[in-house]
Amino acid sequence: MKHLLKDNVALNTPKQAIKGFNHVFIGNSTCDKNYIASAGQYGAGNVFPLYLYPETSSQQTIEQTTARKPNLKQEIVNQIADKLGLTFTNEKETTVGTFSPIDILDYIYAVLHSPTYREKYKEFLKIDFPRVPYPKDKNTFWELVKLGGEIRQIHLLESPVVENFITQYSIDGDNIVGKIKYQDGKVYINESQYFANVPEVSWNFYIGGYQPAQKWLKDRKGRKLEFDDILHYQKIIVALSETDRLMKEIDKIEFE
């Protein structure tokens, strides 16, 4: 995880997911290896940084480089470049006809969020790391890159979309998290206060072995939600709702 102490992102996924595969997430900082699921039946995650940074020391020589390198097998990158007729660049460029590590990551992220893929390979995904098909053509590749990139930015809460709240929190009170329940589109944090207009899909949505909309509140039981906490939770609800929508869009694309 030392490679995540600098500008970077990392894919997080386990070697096996016995209880169904939804075990994929993204990160841009160090994390607990179990942050998508506990070990055992669910499968703890492994962290795969997109870039590797060189070791630095006071004895650094002229031959040593300070540039980060893609954490990708060059042979596979070359095969993708040849098949798509694109030129690979170590960093993202606006030059037409090029693709970069973040594009490969976004393609992978889209594929792993395909409900059809998860169902088709559910038995295999119980016993080994997910395997991603090579892009079948340029257009399909860029379609999936776009959708995967949208999900990635939403999961990192970097997308402006998460600022478009679909919920309301308007009841005065002490904001202390007590008994939590979901009823009629409302997420109650105590007997009187609630977030209104929470889609059921967001409340029940799983990422790995957890339901983020529920776990986030349970982790704060007995605590007072500050203003920033209330805003953050509403971003989570948008992110989960948008993830569900984008997964449906991905499933419209035939990528195998």
Protein backbone atom coordinates (compact mmCIF):
# COMPACT_ATOMS: atom_id res chain seq x y z
CA MET A 1 0.00 0.00 0.00
CA LYS A 2 3.03 2.31 0.04
CA HIS A 3 2.17 3.04 -3.59
CA LEU A 4 -1.10 4.61 -2.42
CA LEU A 5 0.69 7.20 -0.31
CA LYS A 6 1.07 9.18 -3.54
CA ASP A 7 -1.30 10.03 -6.39
CA ASN A 8 -2.80 6.69 -7.34
CA VAL A 9 -5.90 4.49 -7.45
CA ALA A 10 -6.22 0.79 -6.71
CA LEU A 11 -8.61 -1.99 -7.59
CA ASN A 12 -9.78 -4.05 -4.63
CA THR A 13 -11.12 -7.56 -5.17
CA PRO A 14 -10.77 -10.94 -3.46
CA LYS A 15 -9.50 -14.26 -4.74
CA GLN A 16 -12.85 -15.85 -4.02
CA ALA A 17 -16.37 -14.73 -3.24
CA ILE A 18 -18.34 -17.75 -2.10
CA LYS A 19 -21.64 -15.95 -1.44
CA GLY A 20 -22.00 -14.33 -4.83
CA PHE A 21 -19.70 -11.83 -6.53
CA ASN A 22 -20.15 -8.14 -5.87
CA HIS A 23 -16.70 -7.88 -4.34
CA VAL A 24 -15.01 -5.14 -6.29
CA PHE A 25 -14.28 -1.60 -5.26
CA ILE A 26 -11.84 1.22 -5.85
CA GLY A 27 -9.60 3.20 -3.55
CA ASN A 28 -7.17 6.11 -3.66
CA SER A 29 -5.55 5.73 -0.25
CA THR A 30 -4.40 3.08 2.18
CA CYS A 31 -7.16 0.90 3.57
CA ASP A 32 -7.99 -2.12 5.68
CA LYS A 33 -7.68 -5.19 3.46
CA ASN A 34 -11.15 -6.24 4.68
CA TYR A 35 -12.88 -3.04 3.67
CA ILE A 36 -15.08 -4.75 1.11
CA ALA A 37 -15.65 -7.89 3.17
CA SER A 38 -14.39 -9.89 6.08
CA ALA A 39 -12.35 -13.01 5.40
CA GLY A 40 -14.03 -16.40 5.10
CA GLN A 41 -17.22 -16.92 3.14
CA TYR A 42 -17.24 -13.41 1.70
CA GLY A 43 -13.58 -13.04 0.79
CA ALA A 44 -11.23 -10.33 1.99
CA GLY A 45 -9.93 -8.00 -0.69
CA ASN A 46 -6.53 -7.71 -2.32
CA VAL A 47 -5.25 -4.28 -3.29
CA PHE A 48 -3.95 -3.78 -6.83
CA PRO A 49 -2.49 -0.28 -7.34
CA LEU A 50 -2.67 1.11 -10.87
CA TYR A 51 0.82 2.58 -10.65
CA LEU A 52 4.00 1.54 -8.86
CA TYR A 53 6.34 4.19 -7.53
CA PRO A 54 10.10 3.60 -7.43
CA GLU A 55 12.00 3.14 -4.21
CA THR A 56 13.91 6.27 -3.23
CA SER A 57 17.09 6.46 -1.25
CA SER A 58 19.91 8.84 -0.53
CA GLN A 59 22.09 6.68 -2.77
CA GLN A 60 19.92 7.19 -5.85
CA THR A 61 21.90 6.87 -9.08
CA ILE A 62 21.53 8.56 -12.44
CA GLU A 63 20.01 5.35 -13.86
CA GLN A 64 17.21 5.35 -11.32
CA THR A 65 13.95 6.97 -12.38
CA THR A 66 11.45 8.87 -10.28
CA ALA A 67 8.59 8.28 -12.72
CA ARG A 68 5.79 5.97 -11.69
CA LYS A 69 5.19 2.88 -13.81
CA PRO A 70 1.92 1.20 -14.76
CA ASN A 71 1.29 -1.93 -12.72
CA LEU A 72 0.31 -3.81 -15.87
CA LYS A 73 1.85 -6.72 -17.74
CA GLN A 74 3.33 -5.23 -20.89
CA GLU A 75 2.61 -8.32 -22.97
CA ILE A 76 -1.11 -8.03 -22.27
CA VAL A 77 -1.09 -4.27 -22.87
CA ASN A 78 0.56 -4.86 -26.26
CA GLN A 79 -2.08 -7.43 -27.22
CA ILE A 80 -4.86 -4.99 -26.37
CA ALA A 81 -3.15 -2.18 -28.28
CA ASP A 82 -2.73 -4.36 -31.37
CA LYS A 83 -6.31 -5.59 -31.28
CA LEU A 84 -7.81 -2.12 -30.84
CA GLY A 85 -5.40 -0.30 -33.13
CA LEU A 86 -4.47 2.12 -30.36
CA THR A 87 -1.20 3.38 -28.92
CA PHE A 88 -0.59 2.84 -25.22
CA THR A 89 0.76 5.73 -23.12
CA ASN A 90 1.92 5.48 -19.50
CA GLU A 91 -0.12 8.55 -18.56
CA LYS A 92 -3.50 9.71 -19.86
CA GLU A 93 -3.25 11.90 -22.95
CA THR A 94 -5.80 13.74 -25.07
CA THR A 95 -4.06 12.57 -28.25
CA VAL A 96 -6.46 10.75 -30.58
CA GLY A 97 -5.72 7.05 -30.95
CA THR A 98 -4.15 6.55 -27.52
CA PHE A 99 -5.22 4.78 -24.36
CA SER A 100 -3.71 4.65 -20.90
CA PRO A 101 -3.65 2.64 -17.65
CA ILE A 102 -6.71 4.42 -16.26
CA ASP A 103 -8.65 3.39 -19.38
CA ILE A 104 -7.74 -0.26 -18.80
CA LEU A 105 -8.77 0.04 -15.15
CA ASP A 106 -12.10 1.64 -16.09
CA TYR A 107 -12.74 -1.12 -18.66
CA ILE A 108 -12.05 -3.76 -16.00
CA TYR A 109 -14.21 -1.92 -13.47
CA ALA A 110 -17.13 -1.84 -15.91
CA VAL A 111 -16.85 -5.54 -16.76
CA LEU A 112 -16.73 -6.52 -13.09
CA HIS A 113 -19.91 -4.50 -12.49
CA SER A 114 -21.84 -6.33 -15.20
CA PRO A 115 -24.70 -8.35 -13.63
CA THR A 116 -24.59 -10.74 -16.59
CA TYR A 117 -20.85 -11.32 -16.12
CA ARG A 118 -21.34 -11.97 -12.40
CA GLU A 119 -24.11 -14.48 -13.06
CA LYS A 120 -22.35 -16.21 -15.95
CA TYR A 121 -19.14 -16.78 -14.02
CA LYS A 122 -20.57 -17.08 -10.50
CA GLU A 123 -19.18 -20.59 -9.94
CA PHE A 124 -15.71 -19.65 -11.12
CA LEU A 125 -15.76 -16.48 -9.04
CA LYS A 126 -16.20 -18.60 -5.92
CA ILE A 127 -12.75 -20.13 -6.32
CA ASP A 128 -10.42 -17.67 -8.02
CA PHE A 129 -9.75 -14.07 -8.98
CA PRO A 130 -12.14 -12.63 -11.57
CA ARG A 131 -10.84 -12.96 -15.11
CA VAL A 132 -11.62 -10.20 -17.55
CA PRO A 133 -12.19 -10.81 -21.28
CA TYR A 134 -10.06 -8.88 -23.73
CA PRO A 135 -11.89 -5.96 -25.39
CA LYS A 136 -13.59 -7.29 -28.51
CA ASP A 137 -13.36 -4.04 -30.48
CA LYS A 138 -12.54 -0.36 -30.12
CA ASN A 139 -16.11 0.94 -29.83
CA THR A 140 -17.07 -1.57 -27.16
CA PHE A 141 -13.87 -0.79 -25.27
CA TRP A 142 -14.56 2.95 -25.14
CA GLU A 143 -18.22 2.42 -24.20
CA LEU A 144 -17.16 0.35 -21.20
CA VAL A 145 -14.31 2.73 -20.33
CA LYS A 146 -16.83 5.57 -20.13
CA LEU A 147 -19.25 3.69 -17.86
CA GLY A 148 -16.48 2.20 -15.73
CA GLY A 149 -14.97 5.64 -15.31
CA GLU A 150 -18.30 7.04 -14.17
CA ILE A 151 -18.68 4.33 -11.53
CA ARG A 152 -15.07 4.79 -10.39
CA GLN A 153 -15.52 8.53 -9.89
CA ILE A 154 -18.83 8.01 -8.13
CA HIS A 155 -17.33 5.42 -5.76
CA LEU A 156 -14.49 7.79 -4.92
CA LEU A 157 -17.11 10.53 -4.43
CA GLU A 158 -15.22 12.61 -6.99
CA SER A 159 -18.08 12.88 -9.47
CA PRO A 160 -20.26 16.01 -9.34
CA VAL A 161 -23.23 13.65 -9.66
CA VAL A 162 -23.00 12.76 -5.96
CA GLU A 163 -23.70 16.39 -5.09
CA ASN A 164 -27.17 16.10 -6.66
CA PHE A 165 -28.92 14.85 -3.55
CA ILE A 166 -32.05 12.77 -3.99
CA THR A 167 -32.80 12.65 -0.24
CA GLN A 168 -33.79 15.18 2.41
CA TYR A 169 -32.96 15.51 6.09
CA SER A 170 -35.22 18.15 7.57
CA ILE A 171 -36.41 17.05 11.02
CA ASP A 172 -34.79 18.89 13.96
CA GLY A 173 -33.33 16.87 16.80
CA ASP A 174 -30.12 15.87 18.52
CA ASN A 175 -28.84 13.97 15.41
CA ILE A 176 -27.64 11.09 17.59
CA VAL A 177 -27.74 7.72 15.84
CA GLY A 178 -29.89 5.29 17.78
CA LYS A 179 -32.28 2.66 16.51
CA ILE A 180 -31.90 2.46 12.75
CA LYS A 181 -34.68 1.32 10.46
CA TYR A 182 -35.90 1.67 6.89
CA GLN A 183 -39.60 2.31 6.39
CA ASP A 184 -41.60 3.80 3.51
CA GLY A 185 -38.54 5.28 1.83
CA LYS A 186 -37.24 6.80 5.05
CA VAL A 187 -34.04 5.88 6.88
CA TYR A 188 -34.61 6.59 10.55
CA ILE A 189 -31.46 7.30 12.57
CA ASN A 190 -33.48 7.50 15.81
CA GLU A 191 -37.13 7.65 16.88
CA SER A 192 -37.90 10.96 15.15
CA GLN A 193 -35.18 11.92 12.65
CA TYR A 194 -34.76 10.41 9.22
CA PHE A 195 -33.44 10.78 5.69
CA ALA A 196 -36.42 10.95 3.34
CA ASN A 197 -36.80 9.60 -0.22
CA VAL A 198 -34.10 6.94 0.09
CA PRO A 199 -34.54 4.39 -2.73
CA GLU A 200 -34.91 0.84 -1.48
CA VAL A 201 -32.22 -0.26 -3.93
CA SER A 202 -29.74 2.08 -2.21
CA TRP A 203 -30.70 0.85 1.27
CA ASN A 204 -30.25 -2.82 0.33
CA PHE A 205 -27.34 -2.44 -2.11
CA TYR A 206 -24.34 -4.68 -1.43
CA ILE A 207 -20.72 -3.89 -2.13
CA GLY A 208 -18.76 -6.93 -1.09
CA GLY A 209 -20.12 -8.34 2.14
CA TYR A 210 -21.52 -5.03 3.33
CA GLN A 211 -24.56 -2.85 2.73
CA PRO A 212 -22.93 0.61 2.84
CA ALA A 213 -26.14 2.58 3.49
CA GLN A 214 -26.76 0.46 6.58
CA LYS A 215 -23.21 -0.18 7.76
CA TRP A 216 -22.21 3.49 7.69
CA LEU A 217 -24.96 4.33 10.19
CA LYS A 218 -24.43 1.23 12.35
CA ASP A 219 -20.75 2.14 12.69
CA ARG A 220 -21.85 5.50 14.13
CA LYS A 221 -24.43 4.27 16.62
CA GLY A 222 -24.43 6.45 19.72
CA ARG A 223 -22.65 9.27 17.90
CA LYS A 224 -23.98 12.63 16.81
CA LEU A 225 -24.09 13.26 13.08
CA GLU A 226 -22.47 16.57 12.27
CA PHE A 227 -23.41 18.69 9.25
CA ASP A 228 -20.65 17.16 7.10
CA ASP A 229 -21.75 13.66 8.13
CA ILE A 230 -25.30 14.35 6.98
CA LEU A 231 -24.05 15.59 3.62
CA HIS A 232 -21.70 12.62 3.29
CA TYR A 233 -24.48 10.10 3.91
CA GLN A 234 -26.63 11.72 1.25
CA LYS A 235 -23.71 11.37 -1.18
CA ILE A 236 -23.51 7.67 -0.35
CA ILE A 237 -27.20 7.23 -1.20
CA VAL A 238 -26.72 8.94 -4.57
CA ALA A 239 -23.60 6.84 -5.26
CA LEU A 240 -25.43 3.58 -4.58
CA SER A 241 -28.43 4.58 -6.67
CA GLU A 242 -26.21 5.66 -9.57
CA THR A 243 -24.17 2.45 -9.33
CA ASP A 244 -27.33 0.42 -9.80
CA ARG A 245 -28.33 2.54 -12.80
CA LEU A 246 -24.90 2.30 -14.44
CA MET A 247 -24.74 -1.46 -13.92
CA LYS A 248 -27.94 -1.75 -15.94
CA GLU A 249 -26.35 0.38 -18.68
CA ILE A 250 -23.27 -1.86 -18.74
CA ASP A 251 -25.50 -4.90 -19.16
CA LYS A 252 -26.85 -3.48 -22.42
CA ILE A 253 -23.37 -3.85 -23.96
CA GLU A 254 -22.27 -7.18 -25.39
CA PHE A 255 -18.59 -7.31 -24.57
CA GLU A 256 -17.88 -11.03 -25.07
